[in-house]
Amino acid sequence: MYQHPLKQARPFNKKVISYDHKLAPMLIRNELLSIIPANIEHIYIAGIGSNLINGDSLGPFVGTLLENIYCEHLTIIGSLQSPLDAQTLTEQISHLSFSPNSFVIAVDSVLGPKNYVNTIVIRDGALLPGEGLGQNLPAVGDCSVMGVVLEDNPALESSLFYTNLHMIYTMALTIARGISLAVRQYFHYPLDQPILIANH
């Protein structure tokens, strides 16, 4: 969980997409394809978050939805079964060796300004999980995909435990479909290749 992701004066462009926009997966695909450099050979998805807190489960949901597809070109780190949370993130990231021709997409739920709630924000550059909560966690990713699940308001922080799980799951589906479409197009998989496995 990451706070204040949209107020920082960083030189990163960002794309804001409503999570329930009917074209959201294609908009996510287009934005990712504009960020991923040429000659990338493998993409990693870092699904950051917890499987114990509704509002912080977006990243693990996305990781779970993307498991077992495009395995030659896509690796998932962080799922509902094995979350990449504050307790495990530093150790798992430090033990990974990314090749020079790999690209890491970090996915996390965030708190943000009221007018950003229920949007998906895509930004070129690493994500700093836990920064707003005072946690000293390593930066993750070459690109950040952030789902704004609640307003950044101290009075609402306890609501993370009770965040509407249907909204979280719908947002996760949207993000997973967008990432899958991007991977399929980037690595030239057949257009009839399923973007998610059937049981999702």
C-alpha atoms as a PDB file:
ATOM      1  CA  MET A   1       0.000   0.000   0.000  1.00  0.00           C
ATOM      2  CA  TYR A   2       1.368   3.335  -1.090  1.00  0.00           C
ATOM      3  CA  GLN A   3       0.137   6.820  -0.161  1.00  0.00           C
ATOM      4  CA  HIS A   4       0.394  10.175  -1.940  1.00  0.00           C
ATOM      5  CA  PRO A   5       1.431   8.598  -5.267  1.00  0.00           C
ATOM      6  CA  LEU A   6       0.110  11.415  -7.406  1.00  0.00           C
ATOM      7  CA  LYS A   7       1.250  14.558  -5.616  1.00  0.00           C
ATOM      8  CA  GLN A   8       4.988  14.121  -5.938  1.00  0.00           C
ATOM      9  CA  ALA A   9       6.900  16.406  -8.287  1.00  0.00           C
ATOM     10  CA  ARG A  10       8.621  13.701 -10.289  1.00  0.00           C
ATOM     11  CA  PRO A  11       9.534  13.868 -13.969  1.00  0.00           C
ATOM     12  CA  PHE A  12       7.295  10.913 -14.787  1.00  0.00           C
ATOM     13  CA  ASN A  13       4.319  11.210 -17.077  1.00  0.00           C
ATOM     14  CA  LYS A  14       1.233   9.392 -15.902  1.00  0.00           C
ATOM     15  CA  LYS A  15      -1.924   8.031 -17.489  1.00  0.00           C
ATOM     16  CA  VAL A  16      -5.163   7.952 -15.482  1.00  0.00           C
ATOM     17  CA  ILE A  17      -7.875   5.457 -16.495  1.00  0.00           C
ATOM     18  CA  SER A  18     -11.250   4.785 -14.849  1.00  0.00           C
ATOM     19  CA  TYR A  19     -11.220   1.164 -13.682  1.00  0.00           C
ATOM     20  CA  ASP A  20     -14.689   0.461 -15.109  1.00  0.00           C
ATOM     21  CA  HIS A  21     -14.210   2.198 -18.469  1.00  0.00           C
ATOM     22  CA  LYS A  22     -15.285  -0.289 -21.139  1.00  0.00           C
ATOM     23  CA  LEU A  23     -12.041   0.259 -23.038  1.00  0.00           C
ATOM     24  CA  ALA A  24      -9.810   0.295 -19.945  1.00  0.00           C
ATOM     25  CA  PRO A  25      -7.871  -2.918 -20.765  1.00  0.00           C
ATOM     26  CA  MET A  26      -6.999  -1.584 -24.222  1.00  0.00           C
ATOM     27  CA  LEU A  27      -6.032   1.803 -22.790  1.00  0.00           C
ATOM     28  CA  ILE A  28      -3.761   0.048 -20.290  1.00  0.00           C
ATOM     29  CA  ARG A  29      -2.252  -2.020 -23.105  1.00  0.00           C
ATOM     30  CA  ASN A  30      -1.576   1.069 -25.192  1.00  0.00           C
ATOM     31  CA  GLU A  31       0.055   2.921 -22.315  1.00  0.00           C
ATOM     32  CA  LEU A  32       2.274  -0.018 -21.367  1.00  0.00           C
ATOM     33  CA  LEU A  33       3.362  -0.501 -24.970  1.00  0.00           C
ATOM     34  CA  SER A  34       4.356   3.161 -25.082  1.00  0.00           C
ATOM     35  CA  ILE A  35       6.551   2.677 -21.984  1.00  0.00           C
ATOM     36  CA  ILE A  36       8.159  -0.745 -22.517  1.00  0.00           C
ATOM     37  CA  PRO A  37      11.423  -0.256 -24.450  1.00  0.00           C
ATOM     38  CA  ALA A  38      12.347  -2.158 -27.578  1.00  0.00           C
ATOM     39  CA  ASN A  39      14.297  -5.424 -27.339  1.00  0.00           C
ATOM     40  CA  ILE A  40      12.844  -6.535 -23.994  1.00  0.00           C
ATOM     41  CA  GLU A  41      13.046 -10.327 -23.714  1.00  0.00           C
ATOM     42  CA  HIS A  42      11.129 -10.941 -20.485  1.00  0.00           C
ATOM     43  CA  ILE A  43       8.548  -9.120 -18.375  1.00  0.00           C
ATOM     44  CA  TYR A  44       8.096  -9.548 -14.623  1.00  0.00           C
ATOM     45  CA  ILE A  45       4.945  -8.580 -12.736  1.00  0.00           C
ATOM     46  CA  ALA A  46       5.483  -7.593  -9.095  1.00  0.00           C
ATOM     47  CA  GLY A  47       2.053  -7.913  -7.463  1.00  0.00           C
ATOM     48  CA  ILE A  48       2.639  -5.930  -4.270  1.00  0.00           C
ATOM     49  CA  GLY A  49       0.233  -6.147  -1.349  1.00  0.00           C
ATOM     50  CA  SER A  50      -1.398  -8.354   1.258  1.00  0.00           C
ATOM     51  CA  ASN A  51      -3.893 -11.207   1.062  1.00  0.00           C
ATOM     52  CA  LEU A  52      -5.204 -10.250   4.515  1.00  0.00           C
ATOM     53  CA  ILE A  53      -6.485  -6.714   3.819  1.00  0.00           C
ATOM     54  CA  ASN A  54      -9.144  -6.152   1.159  1.00  0.00           C
ATOM     55  CA  GLY A  55      -7.883  -2.730   0.150  1.00  0.00           C
ATOM     56  CA  ASP A  56      -4.288  -3.923  -0.135  1.00  0.00           C
ATOM     57  CA  SER A  57      -5.000  -7.085  -2.128  1.00  0.00           C
ATOM     58  CA  LEU A  58      -5.025  -5.585  -5.635  1.00  0.00           C
ATOM     59  CA  GLY A  59      -1.437  -6.495  -6.528  1.00  0.00           C
ATOM     60  CA  PRO A  60      -1.733 -10.135  -5.399  1.00  0.00           C
ATOM     61  CA  PHE A  61      -5.071 -10.433  -7.242  1.00  0.00           C
ATOM     62  CA  VAL A  62      -3.441  -9.228 -10.466  1.00  0.00           C
ATOM     63  CA  GLY A  63      -0.548 -11.633  -9.960  1.00  0.00           C
ATOM     64  CA  THR A  64      -2.925 -14.553  -9.468  1.00  0.00           C
ATOM     65  CA  LEU A  65      -4.938 -13.681 -12.574  1.00  0.00           C
ATOM     66  CA  LEU A  66      -1.787 -13.585 -14.705  1.00  0.00           C
ATOM     67  CA  GLU A  67      -0.268 -16.845 -13.479  1.00  0.00           C
ATOM     68  CA  ASN A  68       0.394 -19.583 -16.038  1.00  0.00           C
ATOM     69  CA  ILE A  69       0.046 -17.490 -19.200  1.00  0.00           C
ATOM     70  CA  TYR A  70       2.801 -16.512 -21.648  1.00  0.00           C
ATOM     71  CA  CYS A  71       5.206 -18.382 -19.374  1.00  0.00           C
ATOM     72  CA  GLU A  72       8.077 -18.033 -21.852  1.00  0.00           C
ATOM     73  CA  HIS A  73       7.953 -14.247 -21.528  1.00  0.00           C
ATOM     74  CA  LEU A  74       6.066 -13.469 -18.299  1.00  0.00           C
ATOM     75  CA  THR A  75       6.990 -14.218 -14.674  1.00  0.00           C
ATOM     76  CA  ILE A  76       4.771 -13.397 -11.695  1.00  0.00           C
ATOM     77  CA  ILE A  77       6.199 -12.331  -8.340  1.00  0.00           C
ATOM     78  CA  GLY A  78       3.448 -11.840  -5.767  1.00  0.00           C
ATOM     79  CA  SER A  79       0.077 -13.592  -5.786  1.00  0.00           C
ATOM     80  CA  LEU A  80      -2.735 -14.360  -3.366  1.00  0.00           C
ATOM     81  CA  GLN A  81      -1.006 -17.631  -2.491  1.00  0.00           C
ATOM     82  CA  SER A  82       2.417 -16.028  -2.085  1.00  0.00           C
ATOM     83  CA  PRO A  83       1.969 -12.273  -1.542  1.00  0.00           C
ATOM     84  CA  LEU A  84       4.719  -9.723  -1.981  1.00  0.00           C
ATOM     85  CA  ASP A  85       3.995  -7.770   1.188  1.00  0.00           C
ATOM     86  CA  ALA A  86       5.965  -5.665   3.669  1.00  0.00           C
ATOM     87  CA  GLN A  87       7.310  -8.803   5.381  1.00  0.00           C
ATOM     88  CA  THR A  88       8.493 -10.566   2.217  1.00  0.00           C
ATOM     89  CA  LEU A  89       9.192  -7.844  -0.351  1.00  0.00           C
ATOM     90  CA  THR A  90      12.764  -6.921   0.593  1.00  0.00           C
ATOM     91  CA  GLU A  91      13.946 -10.527   0.790  1.00  0.00           C
ATOM     92  CA  GLN A  92      12.234 -11.646  -2.409  1.00  0.00           C
ATOM     93  CA  ILE A  93      13.381  -8.675  -4.474  1.00  0.00           C
ATOM     94  CA  SER A  94      16.968  -8.935  -3.193  1.00  0.00           C
ATOM     95  CA  HIS A  95      17.142 -12.590  -4.242  1.00  0.00           C
ATOM     96  CA  LEU A  96      15.958 -11.947  -7.785  1.00  0.00           C
ATOM     97  CA  SER A  97      18.345 -11.426 -10.663  1.00  0.00           C
ATOM     98  CA  PHE A  98      16.825  -9.506 -13.556  1.00  0.00           C
ATOM     99  CA  SER A  99      18.578  -9.687 -16.907  1.00  0.00           C
ATOM    100  CA  PRO A 100      19.468  -6.417 -18.667  1.00  0.00           C
ATOM    101  CA  ASN A 101      16.760  -7.144 -21.236  1.00  0.00           C
ATOM    102  CA  SER A 102      13.951  -7.614 -18.718  1.00  0.00           C
ATOM    103  CA  PHE A 103      11.239  -5.162 -17.663  1.00  0.00           C
ATOM    104  CA  VAL A 104       9.435  -5.091 -14.306  1.00  0.00           C
ATOM    105  CA  ILE A 105       5.859  -3.837 -13.934  1.00  0.00           C
ATOM    106  CA  ALA A 106       4.979  -3.123 -10.298  1.00  0.00           C
ATOM    107  CA  VAL A 107       1.282  -3.301  -9.380  1.00  0.00           C
ATOM    108  CA  ASP A 108      -0.060  -1.981  -6.071  1.00  0.00           C
ATOM    109  CA  SER A 109      -3.137  -0.406  -4.527  1.00  0.00           C
ATOM    110  CA  VAL A 110      -2.721   3.185  -3.396  1.00  0.00           C
ATOM    111  CA  LEU A 111      -4.410   6.013  -1.538  1.00  0.00           C
ATOM    112  CA  GLY A 112      -4.771   9.232  -3.490  1.00  0.00           C
ATOM    113  CA  PRO A 113      -6.680  12.486  -3.997  1.00  0.00           C
ATOM    114  CA  LYS A 114     -10.457  12.155  -3.940  1.00  0.00           C
ATOM    115  CA  ASN A 115     -10.809  12.787  -7.671  1.00  0.00           C
ATOM    116  CA  TYR A 116      -8.477   9.857  -8.415  1.00  0.00           C
ATOM    117  CA  VAL A 117     -10.390   7.233  -6.392  1.00  0.00           C
ATOM    118  CA  ASN A 118     -11.451   4.224  -8.514  1.00  0.00           C
ATOM    119  CA  THR A 119      -8.905   4.999 -11.208  1.00  0.00           C
ATOM    120  CA  ILE A 120      -5.867   3.143 -12.467  1.00  0.00           C
ATOM    121  CA  VAL A 121      -2.712   5.235 -12.751  1.00  0.00           C
ATOM    122  CA  ILE A 122       0.142   4.084 -14.986  1.00  0.00           C
ATOM    123  CA  ARG A 123       3.485   5.793 -14.656  1.00  0.00           C
ATOM    124  CA  ASP A 124       6.937   5.280 -16.096  1.00  0.00           C
ATOM    125  CA  GLY A 125       9.316   4.661 -13.204  1.00  0.00           C
ATOM    126  CA  ALA A 126       9.620   2.620 -10.027  1.00  0.00           C
ATOM    127  CA  LEU A 127       6.995   2.309  -7.324  1.00  0.00           C
ATOM    128  CA  LEU A 128       7.927   2.963  -3.685  1.00  0.00           C
ATOM    129  CA  PRO A 129       5.679   0.636  -1.666  1.00  0.00           C
ATOM    130  CA  GLY A 130       4.957   1.657   1.906  1.00  0.00           C
ATOM    131  CA  GLU A 131       6.489   5.114   1.506  1.00  0.00           C
ATOM    132  CA  GLY A 132       3.419   6.921   2.789  1.00  0.00           C
ATOM    133  CA  LEU A 133       3.225   4.578   5.778  1.00  0.00           C
ATOM    134  CA  GLY A 134       6.810   5.283   6.804  1.00  0.00           C
ATOM    135  CA  GLN A 135       8.031   1.835   5.755  1.00  0.00           C
ATOM    136  CA  ASN A 136      11.569   1.614   4.393  1.00  0.00           C
ATOM    137  CA  LEU A 137      10.975  -0.731   1.470  1.00  0.00           C
ATOM    138  CA  PRO A 138      12.958  -0.939  -1.765  1.00  0.00           C
ATOM    139  CA  ALA A 139      11.766   0.719  -4.949  1.00  0.00           C
ATOM    140  CA  VAL A 140      10.242  -1.830  -7.303  1.00  0.00           C
ATOM    141  CA  GLY A 141       9.792  -1.853 -11.035  1.00  0.00           C
ATOM    142  CA  ASP A 142      10.523   0.015 -14.215  1.00  0.00           C
ATOM    143  CA  CYS A 143       6.868   0.977 -14.527  1.00  0.00           C
ATOM    144  CA  SER A 144       4.136   1.474 -11.909  1.00  0.00           C
ATOM    145  CA  VAL A 145       0.496   0.416 -12.256  1.00  0.00           C
ATOM    146  CA  MET A 146      -1.443   1.780  -9.288  1.00  0.00           C
ATOM    147  CA  GLY A 147      -5.090   1.254  -8.415  1.00  0.00           C
ATOM    148  CA  VAL A 148      -6.425   4.143  -6.328  1.00  0.00           C
ATOM    149  CA  VAL A 149      -8.780   2.363  -3.936  1.00  0.00           C
ATOM    150  CA  LEU A 150      -9.425   5.027  -1.275  1.00  0.00           C
ATOM    151  CA  GLU A 151      -9.023   8.720  -0.656  1.00  0.00           C
ATOM    152  CA  ASP A 152      -5.814   9.651   1.118  1.00  0.00           C
ATOM    153  CA  ASN A 153      -7.535  10.657   4.343  1.00  0.00           C
ATOM    154  CA  PRO A 154      -6.364   9.462   7.789  1.00  0.00           C
ATOM    155  CA  ALA A 155      -9.986   9.092   8.866  1.00  0.00           C
ATOM    156  CA  LEU A 156     -10.509   6.467   6.152  1.00  0.00           C
ATOM    157  CA  GLU A 157      -7.403   4.344   6.683  1.00  0.00           C
ATOM    158  CA  SER A 158      -9.262   1.736   8.737  1.00  0.00           C
ATOM    159  CA  SER A 159     -11.581   1.297   5.750  1.00  0.00           C
ATOM    160  CA  LEU A 160      -8.773  -0.553   3.961  1.00  0.00           C
ATOM    161  CA  PHE A 161      -9.822  -3.709   5.796  1.00  0.00           C
ATOM    162  CA  TYR A 162     -13.380  -3.397   4.502  1.00  0.00           C
ATOM    163  CA  THR A 163     -12.827  -1.993   1.008  1.00  0.00           C
ATOM    164  CA  ASN A 164     -15.396  -3.316  -1.461  1.00  0.00           C
ATOM    165  CA  LEU A 165     -13.861  -6.580  -2.635  1.00  0.00           C
ATOM    166  CA  HIS A 166     -15.944  -6.612  -5.811  1.00  0.00           C
ATOM    167  CA  MET A 167     -14.392  -3.295  -6.820  1.00  0.00           C
ATOM    168  CA  ILE A 168     -10.904  -4.597  -6.026  1.00  0.00           C
ATOM    169  CA  TYR A 169     -11.486  -7.749  -8.065  1.00  0.00           C
ATOM    170  CA  THR A 170     -12.991  -5.837 -10.992  1.00  0.00           C
ATOM    171  CA  MET A 171     -10.040  -3.437 -10.974  1.00  0.00           C
ATOM    172  CA  ALA A 172      -7.629  -6.392 -10.814  1.00  0.00           C
ATOM    173  CA  LEU A 173      -9.348  -8.029 -13.794  1.00  0.00           C
ATOM    174  CA  THR A 174      -9.082  -4.805 -15.766  1.00  0.00           C
ATOM    175  CA  ILE A 175      -5.374  -4.413 -14.991  1.00  0.00           C
ATOM    176  CA  ALA A 176      -4.616  -8.086 -15.659  1.00  0.00           C
ATOM    177  CA  ARG A 177      -6.402  -7.977 -19.011  1.00  0.00           C
ATOM    178  CA  GLY A 178      -4.538  -4.823 -19.991  1.00  0.00           C
ATOM    179  CA  ILE A 179      -1.153  -6.291 -19.050  1.00  0.00           C
ATOM    180  CA  SER A 180      -1.979  -9.542 -20.838  1.00  0.00           C
ATOM    181  CA  LEU A 181      -2.984  -7.691 -24.003  1.00  0.00           C
ATOM    182  CA  ALA A 182       0.289  -5.753 -23.870  1.00  0.00           C
ATOM    183  CA  VAL A 183       2.372  -8.914 -23.421  1.00  0.00           C
ATOM    184  CA  ARG A 184       0.492 -10.700 -26.205  1.00  0.00           C
ATOM    185  CA  GLN A 185       1.098  -7.849 -28.633  1.00  0.00           C
ATOM    186  CA  TYR A 186       4.672  -7.074 -27.580  1.00  0.00           C
ATOM    187  CA  PHE A 187       5.857 -10.660 -28.007  1.00  0.00           C
ATOM    188  CA  HIS A 188       3.702 -11.309 -31.098  1.00  0.00           C
ATOM    189  CA  TYR A 189       1.525 -14.081 -29.717  1.00  0.00           C
ATOM    190  CA  PRO A 190      -1.436 -15.104 -31.911  1.00  0.00           C
ATOM    191  CA  LEU A 191      -4.419 -12.774 -31.617  1.00  0.00           C
ATOM    192  CA  ASP A 192      -6.651 -15.712 -30.661  1.00  0.00           C
ATOM    193  CA  GLN A 193      -4.413 -16.545 -27.681  1.00  0.00           C
ATOM    194  CA  PRO A 194      -6.579 -16.278 -24.505  1.00  0.00           C
ATOM    195  CA  ILE A 195      -5.594 -13.254 -22.428  1.00  0.00           C
ATOM    196  CA  LEU A 196      -6.448 -14.953 -19.110  1.00  0.00           C
ATOM    197  CA  ILE A 197      -6.768 -18.622 -18.239  1.00  0.00           C
ATOM    198  CA  ALA A 198     -10.303 -19.997 -18.359  1.00  0.00           C
ATOM    199  CA  ASN A 199     -10.994 -20.385 -14.641  1.00  0.00           C
ATOM    200  CA  HIS A 200     -10.525 -16.635 -14.104  1.00  0.00           C
END
